[in-house]
């Protein structure tokens, strides 16, 4: 079994899928969700999935449905915003990724200019 830190979660056309972050290999796929756009939030040890007005809670290591809620009366459609105290919104993750990429590029540039001048 892969640890949660080794997984990347993807939501596509009514599917939630876990991929191995190193190889891209499918670790598990859940096709029990309703079809449509899929929004995901990793909330600690739970993967929260929203699709067409339904909310599912999956075990992120296996993809097994732990619970679901049809959210009757709240409408349906996408995109859905999911936020958690334990999880992070996708915008925060994008900003953190950009900052990390910039820091790596700056470190590489500094290292390259230092080694070429000696």
PDB file of N, CA and C in Angstrom:
ATOM      1  N   UNK A   1       0.838  -1.183   0.000  1.00  0.00           N
ATOM      2  CA  UNK A   1       0.000   0.000   0.000  1.00  0.00           C
ATOM      3  C   UNK A   1       0.886   1.251   0.000  1.00  0.00           C
ATOM      4  N   UNK A   2       0.528   2.207  -0.800  1.00  0.00           N
ATOM      5  CA  UNK A   2       1.271   3.463  -0.884  1.00  0.00           C
ATOM      6  C   UNK A   2       0.864   4.367   0.275  1.00  0.00           C
ATOM      7  N   UNK A   3       1.830   5.138   0.813  1.00  0.00           N
ATOM      8  CA  UNK A   3       1.507   6.143   1.805  1.00  0.00           C
ATOM      9  C   UNK A   3       0.855   7.340   1.117  1.00  0.00           C
ATOM     10  N   UNK A   4       0.076   8.077   1.863  1.00  0.00           N
ATOM     11  CA  UNK A   4      -0.678   9.198   1.297  1.00  0.00           C
ATOM     12  C   UNK A   4       0.246  10.229   0.649  1.00  0.00           C
ATOM     13  N   UNK A   5       1.458  10.386   1.175  1.00  0.00           N
ATOM     14  CA  UNK A   5       2.403  11.360   0.605  1.00  0.00           C
ATOM     15  C   UNK A   5       2.947  10.910  -0.753  1.00  0.00           C
ATOM     16  N   UNK A   6       2.736   9.661  -1.115  1.00  0.00           N
ATOM     17  CA  UNK A   6       3.196   9.135  -2.410  1.00  0.00           C
ATOM     18  C   UNK A   6       2.122   9.217  -3.489  1.00  0.00           C
ATOM     19  N   UNK A   7       0.952   9.796  -3.145  1.00  0.00           N
ATOM     20  CA  UNK A   7      -0.175   9.804  -4.071  1.00  0.00           C
ATOM     21  C   UNK A   7      -0.497  11.199  -4.583  1.00  0.00           C
ATOM     22  N   UNK A   8      -0.996  11.247  -5.810  1.00  0.00           N
ATOM     23  CA  UNK A   8      -1.543  12.456  -6.425  1.00  0.00           C
ATOM     24  C   UNK A   8      -2.982  12.113  -6.785  1.00  0.00           C
ATOM     25  N   UNK A   9      -3.925  12.994  -6.427  1.00  0.00           N
ATOM     26  CA  UNK A   9      -5.336  12.720  -6.657  1.00  0.00           C
ATOM     27  C   UNK A   9      -5.851  13.543  -7.826  1.00  0.00           C
ATOM     28  N   UNK A  10      -6.635  12.881  -8.688  1.00  0.00           N
ATOM     29  CA  UNK A  10      -7.162  13.510  -9.894  1.00  0.00           C
ATOM     30  C   UNK A  10      -8.651  13.210  -9.970  1.00  0.00           C
ATOM     31  N   UNK A  11      -9.437  14.227 -10.347  1.00  0.00           N
ATOM     32  CA  UNK A  11     -10.861  14.031 -10.578  1.00  0.00           C
ATOM     33  C   UNK A  11     -11.174  14.290 -12.036  1.00  0.00           C
ATOM     34  N   UNK A  12     -11.745  13.300 -12.726  1.00  0.00           N
ATOM     35  CA  UNK A  12     -12.057  13.411 -14.153  1.00  0.00           C
ATOM     36  C   UNK A  12     -13.400  12.756 -14.451  1.00  0.00           C
ATOM     37  N   UNK A  13     -14.295  13.482 -15.079  1.00  0.00           N
ATOM     38  CA  UNK A  13     -15.535  12.930 -15.631  1.00  0.00           C
ATOM     39  C   UNK A  13     -16.223  11.915 -14.721  1.00  0.00           C
ATOM     40  N   UNK A  14     -16.437  12.280 -13.458  1.00  0.00           N
ATOM     41  CA  UNK A  14     -17.120  11.396 -12.534  1.00  0.00           C
ATOM     42  C   UNK A  14     -16.248  10.355 -11.866  1.00  0.00           C
ATOM     43  N   UNK A  15     -14.951  10.411 -12.072  1.00  0.00           N
ATOM     44  CA  UNK A  15     -14.018   9.475 -11.450  1.00  0.00           C
ATOM     45  C   UNK A  15     -13.100  10.221 -10.492  1.00  0.00           C
ATOM     46  N   UNK A  16     -12.759   9.560  -9.398  1.00  0.00           N
ATOM     47  CA  UNK A  16     -11.665   9.994  -8.544  1.00  0.00           C
ATOM     48  C   UNK A  16     -10.580   8.942  -8.707  1.00  0.00           C
ATOM     49  N   UNK A  17      -9.346   9.392  -8.911  1.00  0.00           N
ATOM     50  CA  UNK A  17      -8.240   8.476  -9.196  1.00  0.00           C
ATOM     51  C   UNK A  17      -7.036   8.889  -8.361  1.00  0.00           C
ATOM     52  N   UNK A  18      -6.315   7.903  -7.848  1.00  0.00           N
ATOM     53  CA  UNK A  18      -5.049   8.154  -7.164  1.00  0.00           C
ATOM     54  C   UNK A  18      -3.927   7.621  -8.043  1.00  0.00           C
ATOM     55  N   UNK A  19      -2.928   8.470  -8.267  1.00  0.00           N
ATOM     56  CA  UNK A  19      -1.760   8.095  -9.060  1.00  0.00           C
ATOM     57  C   UNK A  19      -0.522   8.074  -8.177  1.00  0.00           C
ATOM     58  N   UNK A  20       0.407   7.207  -8.506  1.00  0.00           N
ATOM     59  CA  UNK A  20       1.708   7.222  -7.850  1.00  0.00           C
ATOM     60  C   UNK A  20       2.437   8.467  -8.331  1.00  0.00           C
ATOM     61  N   UNK A  21       2.885   9.313  -7.429  1.00  0.00           N
ATOM     62  CA  UNK A  21       3.493  10.591  -7.812  1.00  0.00           C
ATOM     63  C   UNK A  21       4.815  10.436  -8.548  1.00  0.00           C
ATOM     64  N   UNK A  22       5.497   9.302  -8.414  1.00  0.00           N
ATOM     65  CA  UNK A  22       6.771   9.079  -9.089  1.00  0.00           C
ATOM     66  C   UNK A  22       6.604   8.473 -10.481  1.00  0.00           C
ATOM     67  N   UNK A  23       5.636   7.559 -10.638  1.00  0.00           N
ATOM     68  CA  UNK A  23       5.506   6.822 -11.887  1.00  0.00           C
ATOM     69  C   UNK A  23       4.277   7.201 -12.706  1.00  0.00           C
ATOM     70  N   UNK A  24       3.275   7.808 -12.062  1.00  0.00           N
ATOM     71  CA  UNK A  24       2.022   8.108 -12.744  1.00  0.00           C
ATOM     72  C   UNK A  24       1.101   6.898 -12.840  1.00  0.00           C
ATOM     73  N   UNK A  25       1.506   5.769 -12.293  1.00  0.00           N
ATOM     74  CA  UNK A  25       0.706   4.550 -12.317  1.00  0.00           C
ATOM     75  C   UNK A  25      -0.564   4.738 -11.486  1.00  0.00           C
ATOM     76  N   UNK A  26      -1.681   4.198 -11.966  1.00  0.00           N
ATOM     77  CA  UNK A  26      -2.941   4.261 -11.220  1.00  0.00           C
ATOM     78  C   UNK A  26      -2.850   3.321 -10.023  1.00  0.00           C
ATOM     79  N   UNK A  27      -3.052   3.879  -8.834  1.00  0.00           N
ATOM     80  CA  UNK A  27      -3.036   3.096  -7.603  1.00  0.00           C
ATOM     81  C   UNK A  27      -4.457   2.607  -7.306  1.00  0.00           C
ATOM     82  N   UNK A  28      -5.436   3.483  -7.444  1.00  0.00           N
ATOM     83  CA  UNK A  28      -6.848   3.103  -7.344  1.00  0.00           C
ATOM     84  C   UNK A  28      -7.691   4.069  -8.161  1.00  0.00           C
ATOM     85  N   UNK A  29      -8.878   3.598  -8.537  1.00  0.00           N
ATOM     86  CA  UNK A  29      -9.836   4.405  -9.285  1.00  0.00           C
ATOM     87  C   UNK A  29     -11.217   4.111  -8.740  1.00  0.00           C
ATOM     88  N   UNK A  30     -12.010   5.161  -8.490  1.00  0.00           N
ATOM     89  CA  UNK A  30     -13.365   4.991  -7.974  1.00  0.00           C
ATOM     90  C   UNK A  30     -14.353   5.459  -9.029  1.00  0.00           C
ATOM     91  N   UNK A  31     -15.198   4.542  -9.505  1.00  0.00           N
ATOM     92  CA  UNK A  31     -16.204   4.892 -10.497  1.00  0.00           C
ATOM     93  C   UNK A  31     -17.612   4.894  -9.901  1.00  0.00           C
ATOM     94  N   UNK A  32     -17.724   4.950  -8.563  1.00  0.00           N
ATOM     95  CA  UNK A  32     -19.023   4.973  -7.896  1.00  0.00           C
ATOM     96  C   UNK A  32     -19.627   6.373  -7.815  1.00  0.00           C
ATOM     97  N   UNK A  33     -18.884   7.378  -8.247  1.00  0.00           N
ATOM     98  CA  UNK A  33     -19.348   8.760  -8.145  1.00  0.00           C
ATOM     99  C   UNK A  33     -20.344   9.046  -9.255  1.00  0.00           C
ATOM    100  N   UNK A  34     -21.123  10.086  -9.083  1.00  0.00           N
ATOM    101  CA  UNK A  34     -22.015  10.518 -10.158  1.00  0.00           C
ATOM    102  C   UNK A  34     -21.165  11.167 -11.234  1.00  0.00           C
ATOM    103  N   UNK A  35     -21.600  11.106 -12.487  1.00  0.00           N
ATOM    104  CA  UNK A  35     -20.798  11.673 -13.573  1.00  0.00           C
ATOM    105  C   UNK A  35     -20.771  13.188 -13.488  1.00  0.00           C
ATOM    106  N   UNK A  36     -19.777  13.782 -14.117  1.00  0.00           N
ATOM    107  CA  UNK A  36     -19.663  15.238 -14.171  1.00  0.00           C
ATOM    108  C   UNK A  36     -18.318  15.720 -13.692  1.00  0.00           C
ATOM    109  N   UNK A  37     -18.231  17.044 -13.541  1.00  0.00           N
ATOM    110  CA  UNK A  37     -17.005  17.652 -13.032  1.00  0.00           C
ATOM    111  C   UNK A  37     -16.746  17.173 -11.617  1.00  0.00           C
ATOM    112  N   UNK A  38     -15.489  16.960 -11.304  1.00  0.00           N
ATOM    113  CA  UNK A  38     -15.110  16.449  -9.983  1.00  0.00           C
ATOM    114  C   UNK A  38     -14.157  17.442  -9.333  1.00  0.00           C
ATOM    115  N   UNK A  39     -14.485  17.833  -8.111  1.00  0.00           N
ATOM    116  CA  UNK A  39     -13.624  18.700  -7.311  1.00  0.00           C
ATOM    117  C   UNK A  39     -13.157  17.888  -6.111  1.00  0.00           C
ATOM    118  N   UNK A  40     -11.865  17.965  -5.802  1.00  0.00           N
ATOM    119  CA  UNK A  40     -11.279  17.166  -4.731  1.00  0.00           C
ATOM    120  C   UNK A  40     -10.651  18.044  -3.660  1.00  0.00           C
ATOM    121  N   UNK A  41     -10.692  17.550  -2.424  1.00  0.00           N
ATOM    122  CA  UNK A  41      -9.992  18.198  -1.313  1.00  0.00           C
ATOM    123  C   UNK A  41      -9.450  17.106  -0.412  1.00  0.00           C
ATOM    124  N   UNK A  42      -8.140  17.082  -0.230  1.00  0.00           N
ATOM    125  CA  UNK A  42      -7.542  16.164   0.728  1.00  0.00           C
ATOM    126  C   UNK A  42      -7.613  16.839   2.089  1.00  0.00           C
ATOM    127  N   UNK A  43      -8.380  16.248   2.992  1.00  0.00           N
ATOM    128  CA  UNK A  43      -8.613  16.799   4.329  1.00  0.00           C
ATOM    129  C   UNK A  43      -8.037  15.821   5.346  1.00  0.00           C
ATOM    130  N   UNK A  44      -6.748  15.929   5.585  1.00  0.00           N
ATOM    131  CA  UNK A  44      -6.088  14.998   6.502  1.00  0.00           C
ATOM    132  C   UNK A  44      -6.152  13.586   5.969  1.00  0.00           C
ATOM    133  N   UNK A  45      -6.897  12.728   6.668  1.00  0.00           N
ATOM    134  CA  UNK A  45      -7.005  11.326   6.266  1.00  0.00           C
ATOM    135  C   UNK A  45      -8.292  11.034   5.500  1.00  0.00           C
ATOM    136  N   UNK A  46      -8.895  12.058   4.908  1.00  0.00           N
ATOM    137  CA  UNK A  46     -10.114  11.902   4.110  1.00  0.00           C
ATOM    138  C   UNK A  46      -9.969  12.654   2.794  1.00  0.00           C
ATOM    139  N   UNK A  47     -10.481  12.067   1.716  1.00  0.00           N
ATOM    140  CA  UNK A  47     -10.518  12.736   0.429  1.00  0.00           C
ATOM    141  C   UNK A  47     -11.977  13.112   0.179  1.00  0.00           C
ATOM    142  N   UNK A  48     -12.273  14.410   0.189  1.00  0.00           N
ATOM    143  CA  UNK A  48     -13.628  14.903  -0.016  1.00  0.00           C
ATOM    144  C   UNK A  48     -13.796  15.168  -1.504  1.00  0.00           C
ATOM    145  N   UNK A  49     -14.873  14.629  -2.082  1.00  0.00           N
ATOM    146  CA  UNK A  49     -15.115  14.702  -3.515  1.00  0.00           C
ATOM    147  C   UNK A  49     -16.496  15.303  -3.752  1.00  0.00           C
ATOM    148  N   UNK A  50     -16.561  16.298  -4.619  1.00  0.00           N
ATOM    149  CA  UNK A  50     -17.833  16.902  -4.999  1.00  0.00           C
ATOM    150  C   UNK A  50     -18.041  16.697  -6.486  1.00  0.00           C
ATOM    151  N   UNK A  51     -19.238  16.214  -6.853  1.00  0.00           N
ATOM    152  CA  UNK A  51     -19.568  16.044  -8.260  1.00  0.00           C
ATOM    153  C   UNK A  51     -21.073  16.167  -8.451  1.00  0.00           C
ATOM    154  N   UNK A  52     -21.487  17.107  -9.292  1.00  0.00           N
ATOM    155  CA  UNK A  52     -22.898  17.326  -9.629  1.00  0.00           C
ATOM    156  C   UNK A  52     -23.829  17.386  -8.427  1.00  0.00           C
ATOM    157  N   UNK A  53     -23.424  18.099  -7.377  1.00  0.00           N
ATOM    158  CA  UNK A  53     -24.265  18.274  -6.212  1.00  0.00           C
ATOM    159  C   UNK A  53     -24.173  17.175  -5.176  1.00  0.00           C
ATOM    160  N   UNK A  54     -23.377  16.170  -5.401  1.00  0.00           N
ATOM    161  CA  UNK A  54     -23.164  15.097  -4.437  1.00  0.00           C
ATOM    162  C   UNK A  54     -21.817  15.297  -3.768  1.00  0.00           C
ATOM    163  N   UNK A  55     -21.748  14.976  -2.488  1.00  0.00           N
ATOM    164  CA  UNK A  55     -20.489  15.024  -1.753  1.00  0.00           C
ATOM    165  C   UNK A  55     -20.168  13.601  -1.294  1.00  0.00           C
ATOM    166  N   UNK A  56     -18.950  13.179  -1.554  1.00  0.00           N
ATOM    167  CA  UNK A  56     -18.475  11.868  -1.129  1.00  0.00           C
ATOM    168  C   UNK A  56     -17.249  12.051  -0.251  1.00  0.00           C
ATOM    169  N   UNK A  57     -17.080  11.152   0.698  1.00  0.00           N
ATOM    170  CA  UNK A  57     -15.870  11.094   1.499  1.00  0.00           C
ATOM    171  C   UNK A  57     -15.225   9.747   1.202  1.00  0.00           C
ATOM    172  N   UNK A  58     -13.989   9.791   0.682  1.00  0.00           N
ATOM    173  CA  UNK A  58     -13.272   8.573   0.328  1.00  0.00           C
ATOM    174  C   UNK A  58     -12.070   8.361   1.244  1.00  0.00           C
ATOM    175  N   UNK A  59     -11.704   7.110   1.421  1.00  0.00           N
ATOM    176  CA  UNK A  59     -10.440   6.788   2.056  1.00  0.00           C
ATOM    177  C   UNK A  59      -9.367   7.067   1.001  1.00  0.00           C
ATOM    178  N   UNK A  60      -8.440   7.999   1.248  1.00  0.00           N
ATOM    179  CA  UNK A  60      -7.466   8.363   0.212  1.00  0.00           C
ATOM    180  C   UNK A  60      -6.475   7.260  -0.132  1.00  0.00           C
ATOM    181  N   UNK A  61      -6.328   6.251   0.720  1.00  0.00           N
ATOM    182  CA  UNK A  61      -5.397   5.155   0.437  1.00  0.00           C
ATOM    183  C   UNK A  61      -6.014   4.062  -0.421  1.00  0.00           C
ATOM    184  N   UNK A  62      -7.362   3.938  -0.377  1.00  0.00           N
ATOM    185  CA  UNK A  62      -8.016   2.832  -1.089  1.00  0.00           C
ATOM    186  C   UNK A  62      -9.056   3.299  -2.102  1.00  0.00           C
ATOM    187  N   UNK A  63      -9.592   4.513  -1.945  1.00  0.00           N
ATOM    188  CA  UNK A  63     -10.659   4.991  -2.808  1.00  0.00           C
ATOM    189  C   UNK A  63     -12.037   4.523  -2.376  1.00  0.00           C
ATOM    190  N   UNK A  64     -12.122   3.792  -1.282  1.00  0.00           N
ATOM    191  CA  UNK A  64     -13.398   3.279  -0.778  1.00  0.00           C
ATOM    192  C   UNK A  64     -14.272   4.433  -0.266  1.00  0.00           C
ATOM    193  N   UNK A  65     -15.565   4.421  -0.612  1.00  0.00           N
ATOM    194  CA  UNK A  65     -16.498   5.445  -0.136  1.00  0.00           C
ATOM    195  C   UNK A  65     -16.765   5.203   1.345  1.00  0.00           C
ATOM    196  N   UNK A  66     -16.481   6.227   2.167  1.00  0.00           N
ATOM    197  CA  UNK A  66     -16.750   6.156   3.604  1.00  0.00           C
ATOM    198  C   UNK A  66     -18.150   6.665   3.916  1.00  0.00           C
ATOM    199  N   UNK A  67     -18.572   7.701   3.211  1.00  0.00           N
ATOM    200  CA  UNK A  67     -19.933   8.224   3.298  1.00  0.00           C
ATOM    201  C   UNK A  67     -20.212   9.096   2.090  1.00  0.00           C
ATOM    202  N   UNK A  68     -21.505   9.350   1.859  1.00  0.00           N
ATOM    203  CA  UNK A  68     -21.881  10.302   0.816  1.00  0.00           C
ATOM    204  C   UNK A  68     -23.117  11.069   1.251  1.00  0.00           C
ATOM    205  N   UNK A  69     -23.315  12.231   0.662  1.00  0.00           N
ATOM    206  CA  UNK A  69     -24.436  13.105   0.989  1.00  0.00           C
ATOM    207  C   UNK A  69     -24.926  13.704  -0.321  1.00  0.00           C
ATOM    208  N   UNK A  70     -26.186  13.452  -0.713  1.00  0.00           N
ATOM    209  CA  UNK A  70     -26.682  13.981  -1.983  1.00  0.00           C
ATOM    210  C   UNK A  70     -26.932  15.492  -1.961  1.00  0.00           C
ATOM    211  N   UNK A  71     -26.827  16.134  -0.810  1.00  0.00           N
ATOM    212  CA  UNK A  71     -26.986  17.597  -0.686  1.00  0.00           C
ATOM    213  C   UNK A  71     -28.282  18.065  -1.371  1.00  0.00           C
ATOM    214  N   UNK A  72     -29.366  17.347  -1.140  1.00  0.00           N
ATOM    215  CA  UNK A  72     -30.665  17.690  -1.732  1.00  0.00           C
ATOM    216  C   UNK A  72     -31.051  19.122  -1.399  1.00  0.00           C
ATOM    217  N   UNK A  73     -31.534  19.814  -2.408  1.00  0.00           N
ATOM    218  CA  UNK A  73     -31.998  21.181  -2.219  1.00  0.00           C
ATOM    219  C   UNK A  73     -30.926  22.243  -2.387  1.00  0.00           C
ATOM    220  N   UNK A  74     -29.691  21.845  -2.605  1.00  0.00           N
ATOM    221  CA  UNK A  74     -28.598  22.804  -2.758  1.00  0.00           C
ATOM    222  C   UNK A  74     -28.182  22.997  -4.215  1.00  0.00           C
ATOM    223  N   UNK A  75     -28.871  22.366  -5.139  1.00  0.00           N
ATOM    224  CA  UNK A  75     -28.537  22.533  -6.549  1.00  0.00           C
ATOM    225  C   UNK A  75     -27.450  21.564  -6.972  1.00  0.00           C
ATOM    226  N   UNK A  76     -27.058  21.712  -8.225  1.00  0.00           N
ATOM    227  CA  UNK A  76     -26.000  20.851  -8.742  1.00  0.00           C
ATOM    228  C   UNK A  76     -25.179  21.637  -9.744  1.00  0.00           C
ATOM    229  N   UNK A  77     -24.071  21.082 -10.129  1.00  0.00           N
ATOM    230  CA  UNK A  77     -23.224  21.731 -11.112  1.00  0.00           C
ATOM    231  C   UNK A  77     -21.821  21.924 -10.614  1.00  0.00           C
ATOM    232  N   UNK A  78     -21.050  22.635 -11.394  1.00  0.00           N
ATOM    233  CA  UNK A  78     -19.642  22.835 -11.081  1.00  0.00           C
ATOM    234  C   UNK A  78     -19.239  24.222 -11.533  1.00  0.00           C
ATOM    235  N   UNK A  79     -18.171  24.765 -11.132  1.00  0.00           N
ATOM    236  CA  UNK A  79     -17.233  24.171 -10.179  1.00  0.00           C
ATOM    237  C   UNK A  79     -17.722  24.336  -8.741  1.00  0.00           C
ATOM    238  N   UNK A  80     -17.186  23.513  -7.880  1.00  0.00           N
ATOM    239  CA  UNK A  80     -17.523  23.531  -6.469  1.00  0.00           C
ATOM    240  C   UNK A  80     -16.288  23.963  -5.696  1.00  0.00           C
ATOM    241  N   UNK A  81     -16.479  24.795  -4.689  1.00  0.00           N
ATOM    242  CA  UNK A  81     -15.362  25.193  -3.826  1.00  0.00           C
ATOM    243  C   UNK A  81     -15.377  24.311  -2.585  1.00  0.00           C
ATOM    244  N   UNK A  82     -14.241  23.715  -2.275  1.00  0.00           N
ATOM    245  CA  UNK A  82     -14.083  22.906  -1.071  1.00  0.00           C
ATOM    246  C   UNK A  82     -12.927  23.496  -0.279  1.00  0.00           C
ATOM    247  N   UNK A  83     -13.161  23.750   1.001  1.00  0.00           N
ATOM    248  CA  UNK A  83     -12.128  24.329   1.857  1.00  0.00           C
ATOM    249  C   UNK A  83     -12.188  23.626   3.202  1.00  0.00           C
ATOM    250  N   UNK A  84     -11.042  23.417   3.804  1.00  0.00           N
ATOM    251  CA  UNK A  84     -10.964  22.768   5.102  1.00  0.00           C
ATOM    252  C   UNK A  84      -9.863  23.408   5.931  1.00  0.00           C
ATOM    253  N   UNK A  85     -10.009  23.349   7.232  1.00  0.00           N
ATOM    254  CA  UNK A  85      -8.944  23.826   8.116  1.00  0.00           C
ATOM    255  C   UNK A  85      -7.703  22.968   7.931  1.00  0.00           C
ATOM    256  N   UNK A  86      -7.887  21.653   7.731  1.00  0.00           N
ATOM    257  CA  UNK A  86      -6.757  20.740   7.559  1.00  0.00           C
ATOM    258  C   UNK A  86      -6.248  20.709   6.133  1.00  0.00           C
ATOM    259  N   UNK A  87      -7.136  20.878   5.153  1.00  0.00           N
ATOM    260  CA  UNK A  87      -6.730  20.855   3.753  1.00  0.00           C
ATOM    261  C   UNK A  87      -6.430  22.265   3.288  1.00  0.00           C
ATOM    262  N   UNK A  88      -6.045  22.411   2.054  1.00  0.00           N
ATOM    263  CA  UNK A  88      -5.768  23.722   1.493  1.00  0.00           C
ATOM    264  C   UNK A  88      -6.504  23.849   0.182  1.00  0.00           C
ATOM    265  N   UNK A  89      -6.969  25.061  -0.102  1.00  0.00           N
ATOM    266  CA  UNK A  89      -7.648  25.268  -1.373  1.00  0.00           C
ATOM    267  C   UNK A  89      -6.645  25.156  -2.506  1.00  0.00           C
ATOM    268  N   UNK A  90      -7.138  24.903  -3.704  1.00  0.00           N
ATOM    269  CA  UNK A  90      -6.244  24.743  -4.844  1.00  0.00           C
ATOM    270  C   UNK A  90      -5.456  26.014  -5.122  1.00  0.00           C
ATOM    271  N   UNK A  91      -6.023  27.199  -4.872  1.00  0.00           N
ATOM    272  CA  UNK A  91      -5.305  28.452  -5.108  1.00  0.00           C
ATOM    273  C   UNK A  91      -4.078  28.556  -4.197  1.00  0.00           C
ATOM    274  N   UNK A  92      -4.221  28.166  -2.944  1.00  0.00           N
ATOM    275  CA  UNK A  92      -3.079  28.190  -2.020  1.00  0.00           C
ATOM    276  C   UNK A  92      -1.991  27.249  -2.517  1.00  0.00           C
ATOM    277  N   UNK A  93      -2.373  26.067  -2.974  1.00  0.00           N
ATOM    278  CA  UNK A  93      -1.391  25.107  -3.467  1.00  0.00           C
ATOM    279  C   UNK A  93      -0.684  25.615  -4.714  1.00  0.00           C
ATOM    280  N   UNK A  94      -1.410  26.279  -5.605  1.00  0.00           N
ATOM    281  CA  UNK A  94      -0.798  26.855  -6.807  1.00  0.00           C
ATOM    282  C   UNK A  94       0.225  27.921  -6.411  1.00  0.00           C
ATOM    283  N   UNK A  95      -0.136  28.785  -5.474  1.00  0.00           N
ATOM    284  CA  UNK A  95       0.787  29.832  -5.021  1.00  0.00           C
ATOM    285  C   UNK A  95       2.026  29.230  -4.363  1.00  0.00           C
ATOM    286  N   UNK A  96       1.850  28.194  -3.538  1.00  0.00           N
ATOM    287  CA  UNK A  96       2.991  27.552  -2.893  1.00  0.00           C
ATOM    288  C   UNK A  96       3.892  26.877  -3.923  1.00  0.00           C
ATOM    289  N   UNK A  97       3.291  26.239  -4.913  1.00  0.00           N
ATOM    290  CA  UNK A  97       4.073  25.584  -5.964  1.00  0.00           C
ATOM    291  C   UNK A  97       4.874  26.585  -6.767  1.00  0.00           C
ATOM    292  N   UNK A  98       4.265  27.739  -7.097  1.00  0.00           N
ATOM    293  CA  UNK A  98       4.973  28.772  -7.847  1.00  0.00           C
ATOM    294  C   UNK A  98       6.138  29.327  -7.037  1.00  0.00           C
ATOM    295  N   UNK A  99       5.919  29.532  -5.733  1.00  0.00           N
ATOM    296  CA  UNK A  99       6.991  30.047  -4.874  1.00  0.00           C
ATOM    297  C   UNK A  99       8.143  29.044  -4.788  1.00  0.00           C
ATOM    298  N   UNK A 100       7.817  27.761  -4.659  1.00  0.00           N
ATOM    299  CA  UNK A 100       8.862  26.734  -4.586  1.00  0.00           C
ATOM    300  C   UNK A 100       9.644  26.647  -5.891  1.00  0.00           C
ATOM    301  N   UNK A 101       8.943  26.747  -7.016  1.00  0.00           N
ATOM    302  CA  UNK A 101       9.606  26.701  -8.321  1.00  0.00           C
ATOM    303  C   UNK A 101      10.531  27.896  -8.483  1.00  0.00           C
ATOM    304  N   UNK A 102      10.065  29.077  -8.072  1.00  0.00           N
ATOM    305  CA  UNK A 102      10.896  30.279  -8.140  1.00  0.00           C
ATOM    306  C   UNK A 102      12.137  30.164  -7.263  1.00  0.00           C
ATOM    307  N   UNK A 103      11.970  29.600  -6.072  1.00  0.00           N
ATOM    308  CA  UNK A 103      13.110  29.439  -5.163  1.00  0.00           C
ATOM    309  C   UNK A 103      14.128  28.460  -5.744  1.00  0.00           C
ATOM    310  N   UNK A 104      13.655  27.372  -6.346  1.00  0.00           N
ATOM    311  CA  UNK A 104      14.576  26.403  -6.961  1.00  0.00           C
ATOM    312  C   UNK A 104      15.311  27.036  -8.139  1.00  0.00           C
ATOM    313  N   UNK A 105      14.592  27.816  -8.944  1.00  0.00           N
ATOM    314  CA  UNK A 105      15.219  28.463 -10.101  1.00  0.00           C
ATOM    315  C   UNK A 105      16.279  29.462  -9.644  1.00  0.00           C
ATOM    316  N   UNK A 106      15.989  30.224  -8.594  1.00  0.00           N
ATOM    317  CA  UNK A 106      16.950  31.196  -8.077  1.00  0.00           C
ATOM    318  C   UNK A 106      18.183  30.488  -7.513  1.00  0.00           C
ATOM    319  N   UNK A 107      17.961  29.387  -6.815  1.00  0.00           N
ATOM    320  CA  UNK A 107      19.091  28.636  -6.247  1.00  0.00           C
ATOM    321  C   UNK A 107      19.952  28.049  -7.357  1.00  0.00           C
ATOM    322  N   UNK A 108      19.311  27.529  -8.394  1.00  0.00           N
ATOM    323  CA  UNK A 108      20.049  26.966  -9.522  1.00  0.00           C
ATOM    324  C   UNK A 108      20.834  28.050 -10.245  1.00  0.00           C
ATOM    325  N   UNK A 109      20.220  29.207 -10.467  1.00  0.00           N
ATOM    326  CA  UNK A 109      20.894  30.320 -11.151  1.00  0.00           C
ATOM    327  C   UNK A 109      22.091  30.809 -10.327  1.00  0.00           C
ATOM    328  N   UNK A 110      21.904  30.900  -9.020  1.00  0.00           N
ATOM    329  CA  UNK A 110      23.011  31.345  -8.150  1.00  0.00           C
ATOM    330  C   UNK A 110      24.136  30.343  -8.142  1.00  0.00           C
ATOM    331  N   UNK A 111      23.805  29.073  -8.137  1.00  0.00           N
ATOM    332  CA  UNK A 111      24.812  28.025  -8.138  1.00  0.00           C
ATOM    333  C   UNK A 111      25.568  28.013  -9.472  1.00  0.00           C
ATOM    334  N   UNK A 112      24.846  28.182 -10.569  1.00  0.00           N
ATOM    335  CA  UNK A 112      25.450  28.167 -11.892  1.00  0.00           C
ATOM    336  C   UNK A 112      26.404  29.349 -12.064  1.00  0.00           C
ATOM    337  N   UNK A 113      25.970  30.554 -11.673  1.00  0.00           N
ATOM    338  CA  UNK A 113      26.838  31.710 -11.844  1.00  0.00           C
ATOM    339  C   UNK A 113      28.050  31.641 -10.936  1.00  0.00           C
ATOM    340  N   UNK A 114      27.892  31.044  -9.771  1.00  0.00           N
ATOM    341  CA  UNK A 114      29.019  30.911  -8.851  1.00  0.00           C
ATOM    342  C   UNK A 114      30.052  29.931  -9.391  1.00  0.00           C
ATOM    343  N   UNK A 115      29.587  28.811  -9.949  1.00  0.00           N
ATOM    344  CA  UNK A 115      30.537  27.802 -10.424  1.00  0.00           C
ATOM    345  C   UNK A 115      31.203  28.224 -11.729  1.00  0.00           C
ATOM    346  N   UNK A 116      30.543  29.030 -12.547  1.00  0.00           N
ATOM    347  CA  UNK A 116      31.149  29.418 -13.811  1.00  0.00           C
ATOM    348  C   UNK A 116      32.180  30.556 -13.626  1.00  0.00           C
ATOM    349  N   UNK A 117      32.090  31.295 -12.526  1.00  0.00           N
ATOM    350  CA  UNK A 117      33.018  32.404 -12.347  1.00  0.00           C
ATOM    351  C   UNK A 117      34.342  31.946 -11.728  1.00  0.00           C
ATOM    352  N   UNK A 118      34.432  30.727 -11.230  1.00  0.00           N
ATOM    353  CA  UNK A 118      35.693  30.293 -10.617  1.00  0.00           C
ATOM    354  C   UNK A 118      36.602  29.573 -11.550  1.00  0.00           C
TER     355      UNK A 118
END
